[in-house]
Amino acid sequence: MSAENGTPDSTAGSPGTVGTPVGPRPEPIRFFGTTWVDHSGGYTARRVGVAVGSLAAAAASCFVLRIAYQGLRIAEIGSFVTLLMVVMFTICSALAFRHTWSAFTTRPDPARQASLRGLLAIGFVGSLVAYFLRSLTEAPGEKLHRAEYETAREQYEKRTTRRSGNPSKKRRRS
């Protein structure tokens, strides 16, 4: 598309011309964009930033939960309710960790994702810890995106290499 008038740009996508690259494009990852493809554009610094940020957010979240726990103790609502709250946050955090961790390797089902939204909100500490641990080795979700991108590139290469030459100049078999 031409930036001036929104009309199709004849050079974009044409083989052998400077412009938009031909073929499938990598899907951006939150905080990383498409730098995960070739680890350029401050990829390492972004990974460090994501690791530090998610760990700091998890620590701050645990501090807030500690204040909430102390509030329950001060209110003297009973040990059963206090225990119930601690168990609820622990179970929800473990489930959120597992769900977030598995979402880095396989695409989650959108319907299941919507139904787990409340659980993931309660167990946000588990999601933050999963994000931290994954960012120590790669951009969270990079392995999944890389596999999908390479598959798309291979399929594109197969499609484009099959079509060679002008079909109107082919000899007809008799």
Protein backbone atom coordinates (compact mmCIF):
# COMPACT_ATOMS: atom_id res chain seq x y z
CA MET A 1 0.00 0.00 0.00
CA SER A 2 1.20 3.45 -0.80
CA ALA A 3 1.48 5.63 2.28
CA GLU A 4 0.19 8.74 0.51
CA ASN A 5 -3.15 7.59 -0.87
CA GLY A 6 -3.74 4.03 0.36
CA THR A 7 -3.55 2.50 -3.11
CA PRO A 8 -1.71 -0.76 -3.79
CA ASP A 9 1.99 -0.21 -4.31
CA SER A 10 3.14 -2.09 -7.39
CA THR A 11 6.67 -2.64 -6.03
CA ALA A 12 5.66 -4.06 -2.67
CA GLY A 13 5.88 -7.80 -2.83
CA SER A 14 7.17 -7.99 -6.41
CA PRO A 15 10.12 -10.34 -6.70
CA GLY A 16 13.41 -8.61 -7.37
CA THR A 17 12.32 -5.20 -6.13
CA VAL A 18 13.16 -3.32 -2.98
CA GLY A 19 10.15 -3.08 -0.69
CA THR A 20 8.10 -5.38 1.45
CA PRO A 21 9.59 -8.87 1.70
CA VAL A 22 7.76 -11.60 -0.16
CA GLY A 23 6.30 -14.55 1.71
CA PRO A 24 5.04 -15.15 5.21
CA ARG A 25 5.92 -12.61 7.86
CA PRO A 26 6.89 -13.52 11.43
CA GLU A 27 4.28 -12.89 14.10
CA PRO A 28 5.43 -10.34 16.69
CA ILE A 29 5.85 -11.39 20.32
CA ARG A 30 4.92 -9.03 23.15
CA PHE A 31 7.93 -6.91 24.24
CA PHE A 32 10.08 -8.40 21.43
CA GLY A 33 8.30 -7.57 18.18
CA THR A 34 9.97 -9.59 15.45
CA THR A 35 13.49 -9.35 16.90
CA TRP A 36 13.18 -13.02 17.93
CA VAL A 37 13.68 -14.10 14.29
CA ASP A 38 17.35 -13.16 14.08
CA HIS A 39 17.99 -12.02 17.70
CA SER A 40 18.71 -8.45 16.59
CA GLY A 41 17.51 -5.05 17.75
CA GLY A 42 18.42 -5.44 21.41
CA TYR A 43 16.96 -8.92 21.77
CA THR A 44 19.26 -9.86 24.66
CA ALA A 45 18.57 -6.61 26.51
CA ARG A 46 14.84 -7.13 26.03
CA ARG A 47 15.09 -10.65 27.42
CA VAL A 48 16.96 -9.39 30.45
CA GLY A 49 14.40 -6.61 30.86
CA VAL A 50 11.48 -9.03 30.63
CA ALA A 51 13.11 -11.40 33.12
CA VAL A 52 13.83 -8.63 35.62
CA GLY A 53 10.43 -7.01 35.10
CA SER A 54 8.44 -10.21 35.51
CA LEU A 55 10.44 -11.21 38.59
CA ALA A 56 9.96 -7.74 40.11
CA ALA A 57 6.23 -7.87 39.34
CA ALA A 58 5.98 -11.32 40.94
CA ALA A 59 7.82 -10.11 44.04
CA ALA A 60 5.61 -7.02 44.29
CA SER A 61 2.53 -9.21 43.86
CA CYS A 62 3.66 -11.50 46.66
CA PHE A 63 4.18 -8.44 48.87
CA VAL A 64 0.62 -7.27 48.14
CA LEU A 65 -0.70 -10.76 48.89
CA ARG A 66 1.23 -10.73 52.16
CA ILE A 67 -0.44 -7.45 53.13
CA ALA A 68 -3.83 -8.98 52.26
CA TYR A 69 -2.99 -12.01 54.40
CA GLN A 70 -2.04 -9.76 57.31
CA GLY A 71 -5.32 -7.91 56.86
CA LEU A 72 -7.19 -11.18 57.21
CA ARG A 73 -5.22 -12.00 60.36
CA ILE A 74 -5.92 -8.58 61.87
CA ALA A 75 -9.63 -8.89 61.07
CA GLU A 76 -9.65 -12.17 63.01
CA ILE A 77 -12.08 -13.81 60.59
CA GLY A 78 -10.92 -17.23 61.56
CA SER A 79 -8.22 -19.64 60.59
CA PHE A 80 -10.49 -21.58 58.20
CA VAL A 81 -11.13 -18.57 55.93
CA THR A 82 -7.48 -17.57 56.09
CA LEU A 83 -6.41 -21.11 55.17
CA LEU A 84 -9.01 -21.16 52.39
CA MET A 85 -7.60 -17.94 50.90
CA VAL A 86 -4.01 -19.22 51.03
CA VAL A 87 -4.98 -22.55 49.44
CA MET A 88 -7.03 -20.76 46.75
CA PHE A 89 -4.14 -18.49 45.74
CA THR A 90 -1.70 -21.41 45.80
CA ILE A 91 -3.84 -23.67 43.61
CA CYS A 92 -4.76 -20.87 41.21
CA SER A 93 -1.10 -19.81 40.91
CA ALA A 94 -0.04 -23.39 40.19
CA LEU A 95 -2.74 -23.79 37.54
CA ALA A 96 -1.90 -20.40 36.02
CA PHE A 97 1.79 -21.36 35.91
CA ARG A 98 1.00 -24.63 34.13
CA HIS A 99 -1.38 -22.97 31.67
CA THR A 100 1.04 -20.12 30.88
CA TRP A 101 3.98 -22.53 30.53
CA SER A 102 2.07 -24.78 28.12
CA ALA A 103 0.92 -21.74 26.12
CA PHE A 104 4.58 -21.11 25.25
CA THR A 105 4.76 -24.40 23.32
CA THR A 106 1.22 -24.88 21.93
CA ARG A 107 -1.52 -22.49 20.93
CA PRO A 108 -4.19 -22.41 23.64
CA ASP A 109 -7.82 -23.01 22.72
CA PRO A 110 -9.58 -19.59 22.69
CA ALA A 111 -12.74 -20.99 24.33
CA ARG A 112 -10.72 -22.61 27.11
CA GLN A 113 -8.67 -19.44 27.48
CA ALA A 114 -11.84 -17.42 27.96
CA SER A 115 -13.20 -19.84 30.53
CA LEU A 116 -9.93 -19.74 32.51
CA ARG A 117 -9.67 -15.95 32.53
CA GLY A 118 -10.83 -15.64 36.15
CA LEU A 119 -8.53 -18.39 37.37
CA LEU A 120 -5.59 -16.83 35.56
CA ALA A 121 -6.40 -13.46 37.13
CA ILE A 122 -6.37 -14.97 40.63
CA GLY A 123 -3.20 -16.96 39.95
CA PHE A 124 -1.32 -14.08 38.34
CA VAL A 125 1.80 -14.83 40.42
CA GLY A 126 2.13 -18.22 38.71
CA SER A 127 1.87 -16.60 35.28
CA LEU A 128 4.55 -14.05 36.18
CA VAL A 129 6.89 -16.76 37.45
CA ALA A 130 6.35 -18.80 34.26
CA TYR A 131 7.12 -15.70 32.19
CA PHE A 132 10.30 -15.11 34.22
CA LEU A 133 11.54 -18.69 33.91
CA ARG A 134 10.87 -18.86 30.15
CA SER A 135 12.60 -15.53 29.52
CA LEU A 136 15.80 -16.98 30.99
CA THR A 137 16.16 -19.28 27.97
CA GLU A 138 14.25 -17.53 25.16
CA ALA A 139 11.61 -14.94 24.43
CA PRO A 140 8.40 -16.37 25.92
CA GLY A 141 6.68 -18.16 23.04
CA GLU A 142 9.66 -17.97 20.70
CA LYS A 143 9.89 -21.71 20.13
CA LEU A 144 6.22 -21.90 19.10
CA HIS A 145 6.43 -18.85 16.84
CA ARG A 146 9.68 -20.05 15.28
CA ALA A 147 8.23 -23.49 14.46
CA GLU A 148 5.11 -21.91 12.91
CA TYR A 149 7.18 -19.37 10.96
CA GLU A 150 9.60 -21.98 9.60
CA THR A 151 6.69 -24.23 8.59
CA ALA A 152 5.05 -21.32 6.80
CA ARG A 153 8.34 -20.44 5.05
CA GLU A 154 8.83 -24.06 3.92
CA GLN A 155 5.27 -24.24 2.57
CA TYR A 156 5.74 -20.93 0.79
CA GLU A 157 9.01 -22.11 -0.77
CA LYS A 158 7.33 -25.33 -1.98
CA ARG A 159 4.47 -23.38 -3.53
CA THR A 160 6.69 -20.86 -5.29
CA THR A 161 9.29 -23.31 -6.61
CA ARG A 162 6.64 -25.48 -8.25
CA ARG A 163 5.43 -22.60 -10.36
CA SER A 164 8.21 -21.80 -12.76
CA GLY A 165 8.04 -20.57 -16.30
CA ASN A 166 5.19 -19.30 -18.38
CA PRO A 167 2.34 -21.87 -18.51
CA SER A 168 1.13 -20.58 -21.89
CA LYS A 169 4.44 -21.59 -23.51
CA LYS A 170 4.22 -25.21 -22.35
CA ARG A 171 3.92 -27.86 -24.99
CA ARG A 172 0.70 -29.74 -24.99
CA ARG A 173 0.82 -33.52 -24.89
CA SER A 174 -0.98 -35.27 -27.69
